[in-house]
N, C-alpha and C. Protein backbone atom coordinates (compact mmCIF):
# COMPACT_ATOMS: atom_id res chain seq x y z
N MET A 1 21.97 25.69 2.99
CA MET A 1 20.44 25.19 3.76
C MET A 1 19.58 25.38 2.32
N VAL A 2 19.56 26.20 1.36
CA VAL A 2 18.54 25.83 0.30
C VAL A 2 18.76 24.85 -0.41
N LEU A 3 20.13 24.44 -0.79
CA LEU A 3 20.39 23.49 -1.44
C LEU A 3 20.21 22.15 -0.86
N LEU A 4 20.36 21.84 0.32
CA LEU A 4 19.65 20.84 0.81
C LEU A 4 18.22 20.89 0.79
N SER A 5 17.56 21.90 0.96
CA SER A 5 15.92 21.63 1.07
C SER A 5 15.66 21.52 -0.43
N CYS A 6 16.37 21.72 -1.45
CA CYS A 6 16.10 21.43 -2.83
C CYS A 6 16.24 19.99 -3.18
N VAL A 7 17.35 19.16 -2.68
CA VAL A 7 17.91 18.20 -2.43
C VAL A 7 16.65 17.08 -1.87
N LEU A 8 16.53 17.50 -0.85
CA LEU A 8 15.32 16.58 -0.46
C LEU A 8 14.17 16.69 -0.73
N CYS A 9 13.74 17.76 -1.52
CA CYS A 9 12.59 17.91 -2.36
C CYS A 9 12.35 17.29 -3.53
N PHE A 10 13.76 17.03 -4.27
CA PHE A 10 13.65 16.50 -5.28
C PHE A 10 13.83 15.07 -5.41
N GLN A 11 14.51 14.93 -4.35
CA GLN A 11 14.90 13.09 -4.47
C GLN A 11 13.70 12.39 -4.34
N ALA A 12 13.72 11.30 -5.02
CA ALA A 12 12.77 10.23 -4.73
C ALA A 12 13.62 8.60 -4.39
N CYS A 13 13.09 8.23 -3.45
CA CYS A 13 13.23 6.91 -2.84
C CYS A 13 12.45 5.56 -3.34
N ILE A 14 13.11 4.73 -4.36
CA ILE A 14 12.78 3.46 -4.94
C ILE A 14 13.31 2.40 -4.27
N SER A 15 12.51 1.41 -3.83
CA SER A 15 12.87 0.32 -3.68
C SER A 15 12.12 -0.91 -4.42
N ILE A 16 12.57 -1.68 -5.22
CA ILE A 16 11.95 -2.88 -5.69
C ILE A 16 12.33 -4.38 -4.89
N GLN A 17 11.52 -5.11 -4.46
CA GLN A 17 12.09 -6.46 -4.20
C GLN A 17 10.98 -7.26 -5.03
N LYS A 18 11.85 -8.71 -5.60
CA LYS A 18 11.22 -9.57 -6.38
C LYS A 18 11.65 -10.99 -5.57
N ASN A 19 11.05 -11.82 -5.45
CA ASN A 19 11.41 -12.96 -5.10
C ASN A 19 10.56 -14.05 -5.39
N GLY A 20 11.20 -15.48 -5.26
CA GLY A 20 10.50 -16.58 -5.21
C GLY A 20 10.49 -17.19 -6.52
N ASP A 21 9.17 -18.10 -6.81
CA ASP A 21 9.07 -19.09 -8.03
C ASP A 21 9.05 -18.25 -9.37
N SER A 22 9.65 -18.51 -10.31
CA SER A 22 9.75 -18.25 -11.40
C SER A 22 8.87 -19.12 -12.44
N THR A 23 8.53 -20.06 -12.12
CA THR A 23 7.71 -20.94 -12.93
C THR A 23 6.35 -20.10 -13.68
N ALA A 24 6.13 -20.43 -15.04
CA ALA A 24 5.25 -19.88 -15.39
C ALA A 24 3.55 -20.13 -15.14
N TYR A 25 2.73 -19.29 -15.26
CA TYR A 25 1.26 -19.97 -14.88
C TYR A 25 1.03 -20.84 -16.09
N ALA A 26 0.12 -21.72 -15.63
CA ALA A 26 -0.68 -22.68 -16.88
C ALA A 26 -2.07 -21.70 -16.98
N ARG A 27 -2.67 -21.88 -18.19
CA ARG A 27 -3.89 -21.18 -18.49
C ARG A 27 -4.80 -22.16 -17.91
N THR A 28 -5.58 -21.45 -16.65
CA THR A 28 -6.64 -22.52 -16.22
C THR A 28 -7.68 -22.03 -17.24
N GLN A 29 -8.62 -22.89 -17.43
CA GLN A 29 -9.64 -22.74 -18.40
C GLN A 29 -11.02 -22.75 -17.34
N SER A 30 -11.20 -23.59 -16.54
CA SER A 30 -12.33 -23.48 -15.68
C SER A 30 -12.04 -23.71 -14.01
N LEU A 31 -12.77 -23.26 -13.09
CA LEU A 31 -12.37 -23.46 -11.63
C LEU A 31 -11.87 -24.87 -11.30
N SER A 32 -12.71 -26.02 -12.04
CA SER A 32 -12.42 -27.13 -12.03
C SER A 32 -11.09 -27.83 -11.59
N GLU A 33 -10.27 -27.28 -12.68
CA GLU A 33 -8.90 -27.30 -12.34
C GLU A 33 -7.96 -27.32 -11.43
N LEU A 34 -8.70 -26.04 -10.38
CA LEU A 34 -8.10 -25.73 -9.47
C LEU A 34 -8.30 -26.93 -8.03
N VAL A 35 -9.28 -27.54 -7.98
CA VAL A 35 -9.68 -28.96 -7.46
C VAL A 35 -8.67 -29.66 -6.94
N GLY A 36 -8.37 -29.70 -5.28
CA GLY A 36 -7.39 -30.57 -5.08
C GLY A 36 -6.87 -30.40 -3.86
N LEU A 37 -5.66 -30.98 -3.31
CA LEU A 37 -5.31 -30.83 -1.93
C LEU A 37 -3.84 -30.23 -1.68
N TYR A 38 -3.27 -28.98 -1.56
CA TYR A 38 -2.43 -28.52 -1.43
C TYR A 38 -1.48 -28.35 0.01
N LYS A 39 -0.37 -28.39 -0.14
CA LYS A 39 0.19 -28.03 1.09
C LYS A 39 0.09 -26.61 1.28
N ASN A 40 -0.26 -26.23 2.85
CA ASN A 40 -0.39 -24.96 3.30
C ASN A 40 1.07 -24.15 3.03
N ARG A 41 2.09 -24.71 3.34
CA ARG A 41 3.56 -24.20 3.48
C ARG A 41 4.06 -24.13 1.99
N SER A 42 4.35 -22.71 1.90
CA SER A 42 5.28 -22.62 0.49
C SER A 42 6.60 -23.43 0.37
N GLU A 43 6.84 -23.73 -0.92
CA GLU A 43 7.89 -24.18 -1.08
C GLU A 43 9.16 -22.93 -0.62
N PRO A 44 9.94 -23.47 0.15
CA PRO A 44 11.04 -22.11 0.48
C PRO A 44 11.88 -21.76 -0.77
N ALA A 45 11.92 -20.53 -0.96
CA ALA A 45 12.83 -20.14 -2.13
C ALA A 45 13.95 -19.69 -1.63
N ASN A 46 14.06 -19.24 -0.31
CA ASN A 46 15.26 -18.70 0.36
C ASN A 46 14.94 -19.34 1.77
N PRO A 47 15.71 -20.20 2.35
CA PRO A 47 15.69 -20.75 3.41
C PRO A 47 15.57 -19.67 4.89
N GLN A 48 16.30 -18.80 4.27
CA GLN A 48 16.44 -17.70 5.73
C GLN A 48 15.00 -16.61 5.59
N VAL A 49 14.26 -16.72 5.04
CA VAL A 49 12.75 -15.95 4.64
C VAL A 49 11.98 -17.02 5.47
N ALA A 50 11.12 -16.22 6.48
CA ALA A 50 10.05 -16.72 6.98
C ALA A 50 8.98 -17.31 6.03
N PRO A 51 8.67 -18.73 6.67
CA PRO A 51 7.76 -19.34 5.74
C PRO A 51 6.37 -18.53 5.45
N ARG A 52 5.66 -18.86 4.14
CA ARG A 52 4.55 -18.11 4.19
C ARG A 52 3.46 -19.60 3.62
N TYR A 53 2.06 -18.89 4.02
CA TYR A 53 1.09 -19.80 4.45
C TYR A 53 0.01 -19.59 3.26
N LEU A 54 -0.52 -20.64 2.42
CA LEU A 54 -1.77 -20.46 1.83
C LEU A 54 -2.83 -20.25 2.51
N SER A 55 -3.26 -20.43 3.81
CA SER A 55 -4.26 -20.19 4.87
C SER A 55 -4.07 -18.59 4.94
N ALA A 56 -3.04 -17.94 4.95
CA ALA A 56 -3.10 -16.97 5.57
C ALA A 56 -3.19 -16.02 3.96
N ILE A 57 -3.20 -16.15 3.00
CA ILE A 57 -3.71 -15.58 1.54
C ILE A 57 -5.02 -15.55 1.72
N LEU A 58 -5.64 -16.71 2.26
CA LEU A 58 -6.90 -16.88 1.86
C LEU A 58 -7.63 -16.19 3.17
N TRP A 59 -7.13 -16.12 4.30
CA TRP A 59 -7.67 -15.60 5.39
C TRP A 59 -7.06 -15.00 6.18
N PRO A 60 -6.49 -13.62 5.61
CA PRO A 60 -5.66 -12.71 5.90
C PRO A 60 -6.21 -12.17 7.24
N ASP A 61 -7.19 -12.22 7.92
CA ASP A 61 -7.28 -11.53 9.16
C ASP A 61 -7.47 -12.82 10.27
N GLU A 62 -7.19 -13.90 10.16
CA GLU A 62 -6.92 -14.66 10.91
C GLU A 62 -5.83 -14.54 11.91
N ASN A 63 -5.88 -15.15 13.36
CA ASN A 63 -4.06 -14.77 13.86
C ASN A 63 -3.25 -15.71 13.21
N PRO A 64 -2.22 -14.94 13.30
CA PRO A 64 -1.04 -15.42 12.38
C PRO A 64 -0.39 -16.46 12.62
N ASP A 65 -0.41 -16.91 13.93
CA ASP A 65 0.17 -17.87 14.52
C ASP A 65 -0.66 -19.35 14.20
N SER A 66 -1.92 -19.10 13.93
CA SER A 66 -2.96 -20.15 13.61
C SER A 66 -2.56 -20.98 12.27
N HIS A 67 -1.90 -20.43 11.28
CA HIS A 67 -1.61 -20.64 9.99
C HIS A 67 -0.40 -21.86 9.86
N ALA A 68 0.47 -21.70 11.16
CA ALA A 68 1.60 -22.77 11.13
C ALA A 68 0.86 -24.18 11.63
N THR A 69 0.02 -24.21 12.11
CA THR A 69 -0.74 -25.61 12.53
C THR A 69 -1.77 -26.00 11.08
N ILE A 70 -1.85 -25.50 10.57
CA ILE A 70 -2.66 -25.80 9.31
C ILE A 70 -1.47 -26.73 8.26
N GLU A 71 -1.77 -27.90 8.02
CA GLU A 71 -1.05 -28.79 6.99
C GLU A 71 -1.28 -28.68 5.80
N THR A 72 -2.47 -29.11 5.58
CA THR A 72 -3.44 -28.73 3.79
C THR A 72 -4.23 -28.10 3.91
N VAL A 73 -4.45 -27.76 2.58
CA VAL A 73 -5.66 -26.84 2.20
C VAL A 73 -6.46 -27.74 1.01
N LYS A 74 -7.61 -28.02 1.29
CA LYS A 74 -8.55 -28.76 0.29
C LYS A 74 -9.62 -27.73 -0.45
N VAL A 75 -9.47 -27.93 -1.61
CA VAL A 75 -10.28 -26.98 -2.86
C VAL A 75 -11.15 -27.73 -3.24
N SER A 76 -12.41 -27.69 -3.43
CA SER A 76 -13.39 -28.25 -4.15
C SER A 76 -14.13 -27.34 -4.74
N LEU A 77 -14.92 -27.81 -5.98
CA LEU A 77 -15.89 -27.05 -6.91
C LEU A 77 -17.06 -27.50 -6.20
N VAL A 78 -18.16 -26.44 -5.56
CA VAL A 78 -19.50 -26.81 -5.14
C VAL A 78 -20.60 -26.29 -6.45
N LYS A 79 -20.34 -25.11 -6.92
CA LYS A 79 -21.20 -24.51 -7.87
C LYS A 79 -20.22 -24.13 -9.11
N ASN A 80 -20.74 -23.88 -10.34
CA ASN A 80 -19.90 -23.54 -11.38
C ASN A 80 -19.07 -22.54 -11.13
N ASP A 81 -19.34 -21.37 -10.05
CA ASP A 81 -18.89 -20.29 -10.06
C ASP A 81 -18.30 -20.00 -8.22
N THR A 82 -18.55 -21.44 -7.41
CA THR A 82 -18.24 -21.37 -6.07
C THR A 82 -17.26 -22.42 -5.48
N LEU A 83 -16.27 -22.05 -5.16
CA LEU A 83 -15.06 -22.85 -4.79
C LEU A 83 -15.27 -22.89 -3.01
N GLU A 84 -15.10 -24.15 -2.63
CA GLU A 84 -15.20 -24.40 -1.27
C GLU A 84 -13.79 -24.68 -0.74
N VAL A 85 -13.38 -24.09 0.12
CA VAL A 85 -11.82 -23.95 0.73
C VAL A 85 -11.83 -24.41 2.17
N VAL A 86 -10.99 -25.91 2.58
CA VAL A 86 -11.05 -26.13 3.68
C VAL A 86 -9.26 -26.31 4.43
N ALA A 87 -9.13 -25.82 5.29
CA ALA A 87 -7.85 -25.90 5.97
C ALA A 87 -7.97 -27.13 6.79
N GLN A 88 -7.09 -27.59 6.78
CA GLN A 88 -6.94 -29.25 7.67
C GLN A 88 -5.48 -29.31 8.47
N SER A 89 -5.91 -29.95 9.53
CA SER A 89 -4.74 -30.03 10.28
C SER A 89 -3.90 -31.34 9.88
N ALA A 90 -2.77 -31.96 10.23
CA ALA A 90 -2.04 -32.98 10.21
C ALA A 90 -2.95 -34.16 10.06
N THR A 91 -3.70 -34.32 11.01
CA THR A 91 -4.60 -35.36 11.12
C THR A 91 -5.87 -35.68 10.24
N GLY A 92 -6.05 -34.42 9.38
CA GLY A 92 -7.01 -34.01 8.39
C GLY A 92 -8.56 -33.82 8.80
N SER A 93 -8.37 -33.42 10.37
CA SER A 93 -9.34 -32.70 10.51
C SER A 93 -9.55 -31.06 10.16
N GLU A 94 -10.79 -30.58 10.17
CA GLU A 94 -11.18 -29.45 9.77
C GLU A 94 -10.79 -28.34 10.54
N ILE A 95 -10.13 -27.24 10.30
CA ILE A 95 -9.50 -26.11 11.08
C ILE A 95 -10.84 -25.00 10.41
N LYS A 96 -10.62 -24.50 9.28
CA LYS A 96 -11.47 -23.61 8.83
C LYS A 96 -12.00 -23.70 7.60
N ALA A 97 -12.89 -23.25 7.04
CA ALA A 97 -13.86 -23.58 5.93
C ALA A 97 -14.35 -22.57 5.54
N ALA A 98 -14.29 -22.01 4.46
CA ALA A 98 -15.23 -20.72 3.55
C ALA A 98 -15.42 -21.34 1.75
N SER A 99 -16.17 -20.36 1.79
CA SER A 99 -16.68 -20.50 0.23
C SER A 99 -16.49 -18.76 -0.34
N PHE A 100 -15.84 -19.40 -1.58
CA PHE A 100 -15.36 -18.27 -2.39
C PHE A 100 -15.88 -18.15 -3.71
N VAL A 101 -16.49 -17.18 -4.06
CA VAL A 101 -17.80 -16.97 -4.88
C VAL A 101 -17.15 -15.82 -6.07
N ARG A 102 -17.31 -16.27 -7.47
CA ARG A 102 -16.80 -15.70 -8.51
C ARG A 102 -17.64 -14.42 -8.54
N GLY A 103 -16.89 -13.33 -8.76
CA GLY A 103 -17.48 -11.98 -8.77
C GLY A 103 -17.44 -11.54 -7.73
N GLN A 104 -17.81 -11.90 -6.42
CA GLN A 104 -17.53 -11.54 -5.11
C GLN A 104 -16.34 -11.56 -4.42
N HIS A 105 -15.56 -12.67 -4.35
CA HIS A 105 -14.32 -12.68 -3.99
C HIS A 105 -13.21 -12.81 -4.73
N PHE A 106 -13.30 -13.18 -5.84
CA PHE A 106 -12.40 -12.97 -6.83
C PHE A 106 -12.89 -13.00 -8.72
N GLU A 107 -12.00 -12.95 -9.60
CA GLU A 107 -12.32 -13.08 -10.73
C GLU A 107 -11.53 -13.85 -11.43
N LEU A 108 -12.00 -14.69 -12.74
CA LEU A 108 -11.12 -15.36 -13.39
C LEU A 108 -10.65 -14.58 -14.69
N ARG A 109 -9.29 -14.40 -14.84
CA ARG A 109 -8.94 -13.81 -16.17
C ARG A 109 -7.55 -14.04 -16.20
N ASN A 110 -7.47 -14.19 -17.82
CA ASN A 110 -6.35 -14.86 -18.00
C ASN A 110 -5.77 -16.20 -17.52
N GLY A 111 -7.18 -16.96 -17.17
CA GLY A 111 -6.47 -18.16 -16.67
C GLY A 111 -5.83 -18.31 -15.43
N GLN A 112 -5.94 -17.19 -14.56
CA GLN A 112 -5.90 -17.09 -12.95
C GLN A 112 -6.94 -16.52 -12.29
N LEU A 113 -6.99 -16.80 -11.13
CA LEU A 113 -8.01 -16.09 -10.20
C LEU A 113 -7.33 -15.02 -9.85
N GLU A 114 -7.96 -13.72 -10.07
CA GLU A 114 -7.29 -12.93 -9.63
C GLU A 114 -8.28 -12.12 -8.13
N ILE A 115 -7.69 -12.41 -6.67
CA ILE A 115 -8.54 -11.74 -5.63
C ILE A 115 -8.65 -10.29 -5.90
N LEU A 116 -9.88 -10.12 -5.69
CA LEU A 116 -10.13 -8.50 -6.04
C LEU A 116 -8.92 -7.57 -5.02
N SER A 117 -8.31 -6.36 -6.09
CA SER A 117 -7.50 -5.67 -5.69
C SER A 117 -7.91 -4.93 -4.30
N LYS A 118 -6.96 -4.22 -3.86
CA LYS A 118 -7.16 -3.34 -2.90
C LYS A 118 -6.38 -2.08 -3.05
N THR A 119 -6.99 -1.12 -3.15
CA THR A 119 -6.44 0.45 -3.01
C THR A 119 -6.81 1.10 -1.71
N ARG A 120 -5.96 1.54 -1.08
CA ARG A 120 -6.39 2.36 0.22
C ARG A 120 -5.58 3.56 0.09
N VAL A 121 -5.92 4.57 1.09
CA VAL A 121 -4.95 5.51 1.50
C VAL A 121 -4.01 5.44 2.76
N ALA A 122 -2.85 5.68 2.46
CA ALA A 122 -1.73 5.34 3.52
C ALA A 122 -1.78 6.66 4.15
N GLY A 123 -1.63 6.72 5.68
CA GLY A 123 -1.27 7.62 6.44
C GLY A 123 -2.56 8.20 7.19
N ILE A 124 -3.64 7.51 7.23
CA ILE A 124 -4.56 8.28 7.77
C ILE A 124 -4.75 7.34 9.37
N GLN A 125 -4.01 6.59 9.30
CA GLN A 125 -3.90 5.68 10.69
C GLN A 125 -2.92 6.33 11.60
N SER A 126 -3.02 6.36 12.84
CA SER A 126 -1.84 6.98 13.56
C SER A 126 -0.63 6.16 13.86
N GLY A 127 0.27 7.00 13.20
CA GLY A 127 1.49 6.10 13.58
C GLY A 127 1.98 5.76 11.94
N GLU A 128 1.52 5.97 11.15
CA GLU A 128 2.06 5.62 9.76
C GLU A 128 2.46 6.96 9.17
N PRO A 129 4.15 6.78 8.83
CA PRO A 129 5.01 7.40 8.32
C PRO A 129 4.88 8.12 6.96
N MET A 130 4.00 7.29 6.40
CA MET A 130 3.85 7.79 5.06
C MET A 130 2.66 8.47 4.31
N VAL A 131 2.32 9.30 4.03
CA VAL A 131 1.04 9.73 3.50
C VAL A 131 0.89 9.56 1.63
N GLY A 132 0.21 8.76 1.41
CA GLY A 132 -0.08 8.71 -0.19
C GLY A 132 -0.96 7.50 -0.40
N ILE A 133 -0.45 6.43 -1.21
CA ILE A 133 -1.96 5.79 -1.97
C ILE A 133 -0.85 4.24 -1.82
N SER A 134 -1.57 3.30 -1.37
CA SER A 134 -1.05 1.72 -1.41
C SER A 134 -1.94 0.68 -1.93
N THR A 135 -1.40 -0.04 -3.10
CA THR A 135 -2.30 -1.13 -3.81
C THR A 135 -1.57 -2.50 -3.36
N GLN A 136 -2.49 -3.25 -3.35
CA GLN A 136 -2.48 -4.70 -2.84
C GLN A 136 -2.90 -5.62 -4.03
N ARG A 137 -2.56 -6.71 -4.59
CA ARG A 137 -3.04 -7.63 -5.97
C ARG A 137 -2.83 -8.79 -5.26
N THR A 138 -3.58 -9.84 -5.54
CA THR A 138 -3.07 -11.09 -5.35
C THR A 138 -3.56 -12.24 -6.74
N VAL A 139 -2.84 -12.66 -7.18
CA VAL A 139 -3.33 -13.49 -8.29
C VAL A 139 -3.19 -15.20 -7.89
N LEU A 140 -4.03 -16.04 -8.00
CA LEU A 140 -3.86 -17.52 -7.97
C LEU A 140 -3.85 -18.23 -9.10
N GLY A 141 -3.38 -19.40 -9.14
CA GLY A 141 -3.48 -20.07 -10.29
C GLY A 141 -2.48 -21.41 -10.00
N LEU A 142 -2.58 -22.07 -11.28
CA LEU A 142 -1.67 -23.26 -11.23
C LEU A 142 -0.44 -23.04 -11.92
N ASP A 143 0.87 -23.62 -11.54
CA ASP A 143 1.81 -23.33 -12.54
C ASP A 143 1.64 -24.48 -13.77
N THR A 144 2.82 -24.35 -14.36
CA THR A 144 2.81 -25.62 -15.46
C THR A 144 3.05 -26.79 -15.15
N GLN A 145 3.48 -27.04 -13.72
CA GLN A 145 3.80 -28.38 -13.16
C GLN A 145 2.39 -28.87 -12.67
N GLY A 146 1.53 -27.77 -12.40
CA GLY A 146 0.04 -28.47 -12.18
C GLY A 146 -0.06 -28.03 -10.56
N ASN A 147 1.35 -27.54 -9.90
CA ASN A 147 1.25 -27.08 -8.64
C ASN A 147 0.44 -25.73 -8.54
N GLY A 148 0.10 -25.60 -7.18
CA GLY A 148 -0.25 -24.02 -6.63
C GLY A 148 0.32 -22.91 -7.08
N LYS A 149 0.23 -21.78 -7.43
CA LYS A 149 0.99 -20.84 -7.84
C LYS A 149 0.33 -19.50 -7.23
N VAL A 150 0.98 -18.49 -6.60
CA VAL A 150 0.34 -17.33 -5.97
C VAL A 150 1.51 -16.12 -6.01
N GLN A 151 0.92 -15.09 -6.72
CA GLN A 151 1.94 -13.91 -7.05
C GLN A 151 1.10 -12.75 -6.38
N GLN A 152 1.72 -12.29 -5.42
CA GLN A 152 1.37 -11.33 -4.59
C GLN A 152 2.10 -9.74 -4.75
N LYS A 153 1.41 -8.84 -5.23
CA LYS A 153 2.09 -7.50 -5.81
C LYS A 153 1.86 -6.37 -4.52
N ALA A 154 2.73 -5.82 -4.21
CA ALA A 154 2.21 -4.41 -3.18
C ALA A 154 2.88 -3.20 -3.63
N SER A 155 2.22 -2.28 -3.64
CA SER A 155 3.31 -0.98 -4.19
C SER A 155 2.70 0.02 -3.23
N ALA A 156 3.50 1.16 -2.76
CA ALA A 156 2.87 2.32 -2.16
C ALA A 156 3.66 3.31 -2.56
N THR A 157 2.85 4.59 -2.78
CA THR A 157 3.72 5.61 -3.62
C THR A 157 3.42 6.94 -2.51
N GLY A 158 4.03 7.90 -2.24
CA GLY A 158 3.80 9.10 -1.15
C GLY A 158 5.15 9.72 -0.74
N MET A 159 4.74 10.24 0.51
CA MET A 159 5.71 11.45 1.06
C MET A 159 6.11 10.83 2.35
N VAL A 160 7.35 10.19 2.85
CA VAL A 160 7.66 10.04 4.34
C VAL A 160 8.11 11.07 5.00
N PHE A 161 7.19 11.18 5.98
CA PHE A 161 7.30 12.36 6.81
C PHE A 161 7.22 13.77 6.43
N MET A 162 6.32 13.72 5.45
CA MET A 162 5.98 14.72 4.72
C MET A 162 7.14 15.54 4.36
N VAL A 163 8.21 14.76 3.72
CA VAL A 163 9.70 15.59 3.34
C VAL A 163 10.15 14.90 1.85
N MET A 164 9.87 13.45 2.32
CA MET A 164 10.76 12.71 1.24
C MET A 164 9.83 11.82 0.29
N PRO A 165 9.85 12.20 -1.07
CA PRO A 165 8.85 10.95 -1.90
C PRO A 165 9.49 9.67 -2.13
N VAL A 166 8.77 8.96 -1.83
CA VAL A 166 8.93 7.29 -2.11
C VAL A 166 8.16 6.49 -2.68
N HIS A 167 8.82 5.76 -3.55
CA HIS A 167 7.88 4.36 -4.11
C HIS A 167 8.45 3.15 -3.81
N LEU A 168 7.67 2.37 -3.19
CA LEU A 168 7.80 0.92 -2.94
C LEU A 168 7.34 0.06 -3.50
N ASP A 169 8.02 -1.11 -3.95
CA ASP A 169 6.97 -2.00 -4.75
C ASP A 169 7.84 -3.38 -4.43
N GLN A 170 6.86 -4.26 -4.40
CA GLN A 170 7.35 -5.72 -3.57
C GLN A 170 6.36 -6.61 -4.37
N GLU A 171 6.97 -7.80 -5.15
CA GLU A 171 6.20 -8.92 -5.68
C GLU A 171 6.98 -10.13 -4.92
N ALA A 172 6.16 -11.05 -4.44
CA ALA A 172 6.48 -12.42 -4.12
C ALA A 172 5.66 -13.38 -4.86
N ASN A 173 6.46 -14.46 -5.47
CA ASN A 173 5.93 -15.84 -6.22
C ASN A 173 6.17 -17.05 -5.61
N LEU A 174 5.01 -17.25 -4.92
CA LEU A 174 5.01 -18.63 -4.01
C LEU A 174 4.27 -19.80 -4.78
N ARG A 175 5.11 -21.03 -4.38
CA ARG A 175 4.33 -22.38 -4.90
C ARG A 175 4.07 -23.36 -3.86
N PHE A 176 2.95 -23.64 -3.79
CA PHE A 176 2.52 -24.65 -3.10
C PHE A 176 1.91 -26.01 -3.83
N ILE A 177 3.02 -26.81 -3.27
CA ILE A 177 3.20 -28.38 -3.91
C ILE A 177 1.19 -28.71 -3.79
N LYS A 178 1.01 -29.56 -4.93
CA LYS A 178 -0.33 -30.12 -5.31
C LYS A 178 -0.04 -31.42 -4.71
N LEU A 179 -0.83 -32.23 -3.46
CA LEU A 179 -0.79 -33.33 -3.54
C LEU A 179 -1.68 -34.13 -3.93
N GLN A 180 -2.70 -34.09 -4.45
CA GLN A 180 -3.89 -34.57 -5.10
C GLN A 180 -4.48 -33.70 -5.99
């Protein structure tokens, strides 16, 4: 019994998952380079994986079912530091629009837009099996072919059921075709 307790206390479970597009980022010098019309649905890296939507990254609090109705995402520069983003249906009608301001919603670092990272304490909500820290980071930009590229990284470190240490690390690289 003592041996089993020691094994449980000192083992660590690590899970690392990477997927998606491996095309490199282009170095974006100004926000004006991001202006254009993009497909909302990412290119499928694996047909067995559920589709990913640019609108779900930009508006994560929206109803998940609504993203499938969005065909394109139009990006316009309204000021030197503000991007206006419009989600459009297949007929071109506006479904949702928002403005994103540099310094408030994102930063331009190393030629890419970094959506302000989120770190939170896990295990404070009812039903969460892990107590620990989780982080999420999203980077948007253009790939070397001029298409939209998104990299999402998420990690969590803590104790599952207060018994087993665990570290989870996930990375998704998505490409959104630039239509114009």
